[in-house]
Protein backbone atom coordinates (compact mmCIF):
# COMPACT_ATOMS: atom_id res chain seq x y z
CA UNK A 1 3.43 -16.69 -32.40
CA UNK A 2 4.13 -14.54 -29.35
CA UNK A 3 7.85 -14.72 -30.03
CA UNK A 4 7.28 -13.64 -33.66
CA UNK A 5 5.15 -10.68 -32.56
CA UNK A 6 7.77 -9.56 -30.06
CA UNK A 7 10.50 -9.83 -32.72
CA UNK A 8 8.42 -7.78 -35.18
CA UNK A 9 7.73 -5.11 -32.56
CA UNK A 10 11.40 -4.83 -31.68
CA UNK A 11 12.36 -4.65 -35.34
CA UNK A 12 9.75 -1.94 -35.97
CA UNK A 13 11.02 0.11 -33.03
CA UNK A 14 14.61 -0.23 -34.22
CA UNK A 15 13.68 0.88 -37.71
CA UNK A 16 11.78 3.86 -36.33
CA UNK A 17 14.69 4.90 -34.15
CA UNK A 18 17.01 4.65 -37.15
CA UNK A 19 14.67 6.75 -39.32
CA UNK A 20 14.41 9.48 -36.72
CA UNK A 21 18.07 10.46 -36.52
CA UNK A 22 19.42 13.90 -37.25
CA UNK A 23 20.61 13.18 -40.77
CA UNK A 24 17.34 11.69 -41.95
CA UNK A 25 15.26 14.48 -40.45
CA UNK A 26 17.62 17.02 -42.03
CA UNK A 27 17.32 15.38 -45.46
CA UNK A 28 13.49 15.52 -45.21
CA UNK A 29 13.49 19.16 -44.10
CA UNK A 30 11.37 21.44 -46.31
CA UNK A 31 13.23 24.19 -48.17
CA UNK A 32 11.10 26.78 -46.34
CA UNK A 33 12.79 25.93 -43.01
CA UNK A 34 16.24 26.83 -44.35
CA UNK A 35 15.81 28.62 -47.68
CA UNK A 36 19.55 29.19 -48.21
CA UNK A 37 20.13 25.46 -48.79
CA UNK A 38 18.87 23.32 -51.67
CA UNK A 39 17.88 19.68 -51.35
CA UNK A 40 21.11 18.81 -53.17
CA UNK A 41 23.10 20.94 -50.67
CA UNK A 42 21.67 18.97 -47.77
CA UNK A 43 22.44 15.62 -49.35
CA UNK A 44 25.95 16.75 -50.28
CA UNK A 45 26.69 17.74 -46.68
CA UNK A 46 25.97 14.19 -45.53
CA UNK A 47 27.85 12.55 -48.37
CA UNK A 48 30.93 14.69 -47.81
CA UNK A 49 31.05 13.95 -44.09
CA UNK A 50 30.51 10.23 -44.70
CA UNK A 51 33.46 10.35 -47.07
CA UNK A 52 35.63 12.14 -44.46
CA UNK A 53 35.70 15.27 -46.62
CA UNK A 54 35.14 18.91 -45.74
CA UNK A 55 31.34 19.36 -45.93
CA UNK A 56 31.27 22.66 -47.81
CA UNK A 57 28.70 23.53 -50.50
CA UNK A 58 27.69 26.47 -52.66
CA UNK A 59 24.34 27.73 -51.37
CA UNK A 60 21.48 29.37 -53.26
CA UNK A 61 23.09 32.79 -53.02
CA UNK A 62 26.41 31.60 -54.39
CA UNK A 63 28.17 31.70 -51.01
CA UNK A 64 29.78 28.90 -49.07
CA UNK A 65 27.99 26.96 -46.32
CA UNK A 66 29.68 24.26 -44.24
CA UNK A 67 28.32 21.53 -41.98
CA UNK A 68 30.79 21.41 -39.13
CA UNK A 69 29.17 18.80 -36.87
CA UNK A 70 26.87 15.81 -37.42
CA UNK A 71 25.88 13.30 -34.77
CA UNK A 72 22.83 11.06 -34.46
CA UNK A 73 21.06 13.84 -32.52
CA UNK A 74 22.74 17.10 -33.54
CA UNK A 75 23.76 19.18 -36.56
CA UNK A 76 25.73 22.46 -36.79
CA UNK A 77 26.11 24.46 -40.00
CA UNK A 78 28.05 27.63 -40.70
CA UNK A 79 25.56 29.15 -43.13
CA UNK A 80 27.51 32.32 -43.91
CA UNK A 81 30.39 34.17 -42.25
CA UNK A 82 27.73 35.98 -40.18
CA UNK A 83 25.24 33.18 -39.43
CA UNK A 84 24.90 29.64 -38.10
CA UNK A 85 22.15 27.03 -37.89
CA UNK A 86 21.80 24.24 -35.35
CA UNK A 87 19.41 21.35 -34.98
CA UNK A 88 18.88 18.83 -32.17
CA UNK A 89 16.47 15.99 -31.68
CA UNK A 90 14.89 15.92 -28.22
CA UNK A 91 12.93 13.00 -26.67
CA UNK A 92 9.42 13.65 -25.43
CA UNK A 93 9.19 10.43 -23.49
CA UNK A 94 11.67 8.94 -21.02
CA UNK A 95 10.47 5.42 -21.82
CA UNK A 96 10.16 5.76 -25.62
CA UNK A 97 13.19 7.62 -26.99
CA UNK A 98 11.81 7.39 -30.55
CA UNK A 99 9.20 10.03 -29.70
CA UNK A 100 10.94 13.26 -30.56
CA UNK A 101 10.67 16.94 -31.29
CA UNK A 102 13.12 18.93 -33.38
CA UNK A 103 14.70 22.09 -32.01
CA UNK A 104 16.49 24.52 -34.27
CA UNK A 105 18.54 27.61 -33.47
CA UNK A 106 19.28 30.23 -36.13
CA UNK A 107 21.91 32.85 -35.16
CA UNK A 108 22.73 35.97 -37.16
CA UNK A 109 25.42 38.50 -36.23
CA UNK A 110 24.32 41.98 -37.23
CA UNK A 111 26.23 43.51 -35.55
CA UNK A 112 25.84 41.48 -32.33
CA UNK A 113 24.88 37.77 -32.52
CA UNK A 114 21.16 37.16 -31.92
CA UNK A 115 19.38 33.82 -32.03
CA UNK A 116 15.92 32.53 -32.92
CA UNK A 117 14.74 29.23 -31.39
CA UNK A 118 12.02 27.09 -32.98
CA UNK A 119 10.47 23.65 -32.50
CA UNK A 120 8.97 21.19 -34.97
CA UNK A 121 7.47 17.72 -35.15
CA UNK A 122 9.62 14.98 -36.78
CA UNK A 123 7.82 15.75 -40.08
CA UNK A 124 8.61 19.48 -39.72
CA UNK A 125 5.26 20.83 -38.61
CA UNK A 126 5.81 23.95 -36.45
CA UNK A 127 5.16 23.69 -32.72
CA UNK A 128 4.36 26.56 -30.30
CA UNK A 129 7.54 27.94 -28.78
CA UNK A 130 5.85 28.37 -25.40
CA UNK A 131 5.10 24.65 -25.22
CA UNK A 132 8.79 23.64 -25.13
CA UNK A 133 10.51 26.86 -24.02
CA UNK A 134 8.03 28.55 -21.68
CA UNK A 135 10.31 31.49 -20.80
CA UNK A 136 13.53 32.79 -22.32
CA UNK A 137 16.01 34.81 -20.23
CA UNK A 138 15.49 38.53 -19.70
CA UNK A 139 18.29 41.06 -19.16
CA UNK A 140 17.71 40.93 -15.40
CA UNK A 141 18.49 37.18 -15.42
CA UNK A 142 22.02 37.90 -16.60
CA UNK A 143 22.73 40.58 -13.98
CA UNK A 144 24.65 39.71 -10.84
CA UNK A 145 23.42 41.34 -7.57
CA UNK A 146 26.24 43.90 -7.79
CA UNK A 147 24.75 45.37 -10.97
CA UNK A 148 21.65 46.62 -9.21
CA UNK A 149 23.04 47.22 -5.71
CA UNK A 150 22.08 50.57 -4.13
CA UNK A 151 25.75 51.62 -4.11
CA UNK A 152 26.28 50.85 -7.82
CA UNK A 153 28.53 53.45 -9.45
CA UNK A 154 27.27 56.11 -11.83
CA UNK A 155 29.30 54.51 -14.65
CA UNK A 156 27.59 51.15 -14.03
CA UNK A 157 24.17 52.73 -14.03
CA UNK A 158 24.97 54.49 -17.30
CA UNK A 159 26.16 51.17 -18.79
CA UNK A 160 22.88 49.54 -17.82
CA UNK A 161 21.01 52.40 -19.44
CA UNK A 162 22.81 51.64 -22.72
CA UNK A 163 21.75 47.99 -22.53
CA UNK A 164 18.32 48.87 -23.91
CA UNK A 165 18.04 46.06 -26.47
CA UNK A 166 18.05 42.39 -25.41
CA UNK A 167 20.30 40.36 -27.74
CA UNK A 168 21.23 36.78 -26.93
CA UNK A 169 23.13 33.97 -28.62
CA UNK A 170 21.64 30.52 -28.04
CA UNK A 171 23.51 27.25 -28.49
CA UNK A 172 22.33 23.67 -28.42
CA UNK A 173 24.83 21.16 -26.99
CA UNK A 174 25.95 18.36 -29.34
CA UNK A 175 26.49 16.08 -26.36
CA UNK A 176 23.50 16.72 -24.05
CA UNK A 177 19.92 18.00 -24.27
CA UNK A 178 20.73 21.52 -23.12
CA UNK A 179 20.22 25.02 -24.49
CA UNK A 180 22.60 27.77 -23.38
CA UNK A 181 21.99 31.53 -23.73
CA UNK A 182 24.73 34.19 -23.65
CA UNK A 183 24.02 37.87 -23.51
CA UNK A 184 25.41 39.63 -26.59
CA UNK A 185 23.92 43.08 -25.91
CA UNK A 186 27.34 44.45 -24.81
CA UNK A 187 28.67 43.78 -28.32
CA UNK A 188 26.69 46.75 -29.69
CA UNK A 189 27.33 49.05 -26.75
CA UNK A 190 30.14 51.59 -26.44
CA UNK A 191 33.35 49.83 -25.51
CA UNK A 192 33.79 51.63 -22.21
CA UNK A 193 30.23 50.88 -21.15
CA UNK A 194 30.53 47.23 -22.14
CA UNK A 195 33.76 46.86 -20.18
CA UNK A 196 32.10 48.45 -17.12
CA UNK A 197 29.14 46.10 -17.30
CA UNK A 198 31.08 42.87 -18.03
CA UNK A 199 32.13 42.02 -14.44
CA UNK A 200 28.49 42.22 -13.31
CA UNK A 201 27.10 39.72 -15.82
CA UNK A 202 26.57 35.97 -15.66
CA UNK A 203 28.59 34.32 -18.45
CA UNK A 204 25.71 32.11 -19.49
CA UNK A 205 22.29 30.74 -18.57
CA UNK A 206 21.65 27.07 -19.28
CA UNK A 207 18.30 25.29 -19.79
CA UNK A 208 17.95 21.50 -19.40
CA UNK A 209 15.43 19.41 -21.31
CA UNK A 210 12.96 17.91 -18.82
CA UNK A 211 9.52 16.49 -19.45
CA UNK A 212 9.08 17.89 -22.98
CA UNK A 213 10.42 21.35 -22.25
CA UNK A 214 13.53 23.35 -21.51
CA UNK A 215 13.79 24.37 -17.82
CA UNK A 216 16.25 26.98 -16.60
CA UNK A 217 19.07 25.66 -14.41
CA UNK A 218 18.91 27.17 -10.91
């Protein structure tokens, strides 16, 4: 009897782990999460990739969307020429990897890329952003010490003055539970000012998933 119970428990855990992979969560996703795609679009993406075909579909607006990456934990879609959508499953328990939250990143370039990060339960109920991403980077986090040094040039100070809107592109890694932010504010600045500021910026800021939340790498 004990052996049978153990076998049933292991089988149940295996089935749960299988059910909670990226493709199954994606197929169950409500239309409201990603209105550009229909239920048929989502199923076609999976079928095309399983058949080793280009996973491109005609979305609700008549444009082309393409799923470019699918792993058991990660999905990347080129929604339009100006936008992308990413999804990653993240474990909330080190001992039980079937307990997960879903993280999505929507990025729109208009004119500079800017991203929106969101979290959901496995059945797509929204979760508070602050619970899993307590603090996103600020402009100051991207600045190297030379940017704010007392002897900073007038041109550099003027470039910083132009950086008055914080725009960032966020990317989930397909291979690891990390979230990387890149400052895209310079993309909307005057070219000369952006070139002046560039040497004084960190190329990226990476957050690692630890104990149910993303923590900035130090």
